[in-house]
């Protein structure tokens, strides 16, 4: 299944999508690739905002602002791994039977799935700026992420075949 088809099918059946990913077998490069997909989309989604800020600041180029955002996005990698580990610890304390890998896949795939919405969020931020439209889109992205992540985390904590 292509990535775009997989993204669309995740919105309609997130549990089934997670099971497909876990059925591939354990692959840390695959898990990291999912995280990278999200980080790239999140980074690209910030370009319009950087361009807007540079324009209003009178800068000739948004390059420095975009580079700073690239480093900031890369710096979040340990945060995402830590959040996946924390979710596994909490789930285990609540009786979950999943694995550390399953928790990572649930988080990273949820992030990758909302990546296209983050592109929309970046466009709204860059074109319209602060205000109700941006707050609405940001809230939508946050709720969509939480719904996908918690749904897939719940599915992974049911336990998975080795």
Protein backbone atom coordinates (compact mmCIF):
# COMPACT_ATOMS: atom_id res chain seq x y z
CA UNK A 1 0.00 0.00 0.00
CA UNK A 2 1.35 3.44 -0.90
CA UNK A 3 2.06 5.96 1.83
CA UNK A 4 -0.73 8.29 0.71
CA UNK A 5 -3.24 5.43 0.62
CA UNK A 6 -2.04 4.27 4.04
CA UNK A 7 -2.47 7.77 5.45
CA UNK A 8 -6.03 8.02 4.17
CA UNK A 9 -6.94 4.53 5.43
CA UNK A 10 -5.56 5.41 8.86
CA UNK A 11 -8.17 8.14 9.25
CA UNK A 12 -10.97 5.63 8.68
CA UNK A 13 -9.49 2.64 10.51
CA UNK A 14 -6.54 3.58 12.77
CA UNK A 15 -6.53 0.27 14.66
CA UNK A 16 -6.32 -1.73 11.45
CA UNK A 17 -3.53 0.53 10.16
CA UNK A 18 -1.53 0.02 13.34
CA UNK A 19 -1.98 -3.76 13.14
CA UNK A 20 -0.65 -3.66 9.55
CA UNK A 21 2.45 -1.80 10.72
CA UNK A 22 3.04 -4.16 13.63
CA UNK A 23 2.55 -7.18 11.34
CA UNK A 24 5.61 -6.06 9.36
CA UNK A 25 7.76 -7.24 12.23
CA UNK A 26 10.05 -5.18 14.41
CA UNK A 27 12.14 -2.71 12.44
CA UNK A 28 13.71 0.25 14.20
CA UNK A 29 14.68 1.87 10.88
CA UNK A 30 10.99 1.73 9.87
CA UNK A 31 9.91 3.33 13.16
CA UNK A 32 12.53 6.05 12.76
CA UNK A 33 11.43 6.62 9.16
CA UNK A 34 7.87 7.26 10.37
CA UNK A 35 9.20 9.83 12.82
CA UNK A 36 11.28 11.43 10.06
CA UNK A 37 8.20 11.71 7.82
CA UNK A 38 6.50 13.69 10.57
CA UNK A 39 9.56 15.85 11.26
CA UNK A 40 9.95 16.71 7.58
CA UNK A 41 6.27 17.62 7.23
CA UNK A 42 6.37 19.65 10.46
CA UNK A 43 9.49 21.45 9.25
CA UNK A 44 8.08 22.24 5.81
CA UNK A 45 4.86 23.39 7.45
CA UNK A 46 6.82 26.07 9.30
CA UNK A 47 8.24 27.71 6.17
CA UNK A 48 5.27 30.03 5.54
CA UNK A 49 5.43 31.27 9.12
CA UNK A 50 9.18 31.88 8.83
CA UNK A 51 8.63 33.77 5.58
CA UNK A 52 5.89 35.88 7.18
CA UNK A 53 8.07 36.72 10.17
CA UNK A 54 11.01 37.61 7.92
CA UNK A 55 8.80 39.83 5.77
CA UNK A 56 7.42 41.76 8.73
CA UNK A 57 10.90 42.05 10.27
CA UNK A 58 12.23 43.52 7.03
CA UNK A 59 14.73 40.71 6.46
CA UNK A 60 15.90 40.01 2.91
CA UNK A 61 15.62 36.26 3.37
CA UNK A 62 13.86 33.78 5.62
CA UNK A 63 16.84 31.41 5.39
CA UNK A 64 18.13 32.02 8.90
CA UNK A 65 14.67 31.55 10.41
CA UNK A 66 14.13 28.35 8.43
CA UNK A 67 17.53 26.99 9.48
CA UNK A 68 16.73 27.71 13.13
CA UNK A 69 13.46 25.81 12.75
CA UNK A 70 15.31 22.87 11.19
CA UNK A 71 17.57 22.59 14.21
CA UNK A 72 14.60 22.98 16.56
CA UNK A 73 12.70 20.18 14.80
CA UNK A 74 15.73 17.88 14.95
CA UNK A 75 16.15 18.64 18.64
CA UNK A 76 12.70 17.15 19.33
CA UNK A 77 13.74 13.60 18.36
CA UNK A 78 14.64 12.58 21.94
CA UNK A 79 11.36 14.13 23.14
CA UNK A 80 9.31 11.86 20.86
CA UNK A 81 11.21 8.74 21.94
CA UNK A 82 10.77 9.79 25.57
CA UNK A 83 7.04 10.38 25.07
CA UNK A 84 6.66 6.93 23.50
CA UNK A 85 8.52 5.37 26.45
CA UNK A 86 6.41 7.29 28.96
CA UNK A 87 3.22 6.18 27.23
CA UNK A 88 4.41 2.57 27.44
CA UNK A 89 5.20 2.91 31.16
CA UNK A 90 1.79 4.46 31.89
CA UNK A 91 0.00 1.89 29.74
CA UNK A 92 1.86 -0.94 31.46
CA UNK A 93 0.88 0.43 34.87
CA UNK A 94 -2.74 0.45 33.69
CA UNK A 95 -2.54 -3.19 32.62
CA UNK A 96 -1.42 -2.85 29.00
CA UNK A 97 0.26 -5.86 27.42
CA UNK A 98 2.01 -4.10 24.54
CA UNK A 99 5.66 -3.57 23.76
CA UNK A 100 8.02 -0.63 23.65
CA UNK A 101 8.16 -0.97 19.87
CA UNK A 102 4.36 -0.92 19.62
CA UNK A 103 4.23 2.28 21.66
CA UNK A 104 6.78 3.89 19.33
CA UNK A 105 4.90 2.83 16.20
CA UNK A 106 1.59 4.09 17.64
CA UNK A 107 3.08 7.51 18.41
CA UNK A 108 5.21 7.89 15.30
CA UNK A 109 2.46 6.79 12.91
CA UNK A 110 -0.05 9.10 14.61
CA UNK A 111 2.42 11.95 14.16
CA UNK A 112 3.04 11.08 10.51
CA UNK A 113 -0.70 10.84 9.89
CA UNK A 114 -1.35 14.37 11.17
CA UNK A 115 1.64 15.69 9.22
CA UNK A 116 -0.49 16.88 6.28
CA UNK A 117 -2.71 18.78 8.73
CA UNK A 118 0.42 20.48 10.04
CA UNK A 119 1.07 21.70 6.50
CA UNK A 120 -2.38 23.29 6.57
CA UNK A 121 -1.63 24.76 9.98
CA UNK A 122 1.58 26.27 8.59
CA UNK A 123 -0.27 27.80 5.65
CA UNK A 124 -2.86 29.37 7.94
CA UNK A 125 -0.11 30.68 10.20
CA UNK A 126 1.87 32.09 7.29
CA UNK A 127 -1.02 33.55 5.32
CA UNK A 128 -3.41 34.70 8.03
CA UNK A 129 -1.31 34.84 11.18
CA UNK A 130 -2.51 34.74 14.77
CA UNK A 131 -6.23 34.69 15.34
CA UNK A 132 -9.31 32.47 15.46
CA UNK A 133 -8.50 30.66 12.22
CA UNK A 134 -5.07 29.58 13.44
CA UNK A 135 -6.39 28.65 16.87
CA UNK A 136 -9.12 26.53 15.27
CA UNK A 137 -6.72 24.71 12.96
CA UNK A 138 -4.22 24.18 15.79
CA UNK A 139 -6.98 22.77 18.00
CA UNK A 140 -8.13 20.49 15.18
CA UNK A 141 -4.59 19.20 14.62
CA UNK A 142 -4.11 18.61 18.35
CA UNK A 143 -7.40 16.78 18.78
CA UNK A 144 -6.82 14.70 15.65
CA UNK A 145 -3.37 13.72 16.89
CA UNK A 146 -4.63 12.78 20.36
CA UNK A 147 -7.48 10.72 18.93
CA UNK A 148 -5.20 8.82 16.53
CA UNK A 149 -2.42 8.32 19.06
CA UNK A 150 -4.60 7.14 21.92
CA UNK A 151 -6.63 4.86 19.63
CA UNK A 152 -3.51 3.24 18.20
CA UNK A 153 -1.79 3.07 21.59
CA UNK A 154 -4.83 1.30 22.99
CA UNK A 155 -4.67 -1.17 20.12
CA UNK A 156 -0.94 -1.80 20.60
CA UNK A 157 -1.44 -2.37 24.33
CA UNK A 158 -3.77 -5.28 23.65
CA UNK A 159 -0.58 -7.20 22.98
CA UNK A 160 0.99 -8.17 19.72
CA UNK A 161 2.27 -11.34 18.20
CA UNK A 162 6.07 -11.65 18.39
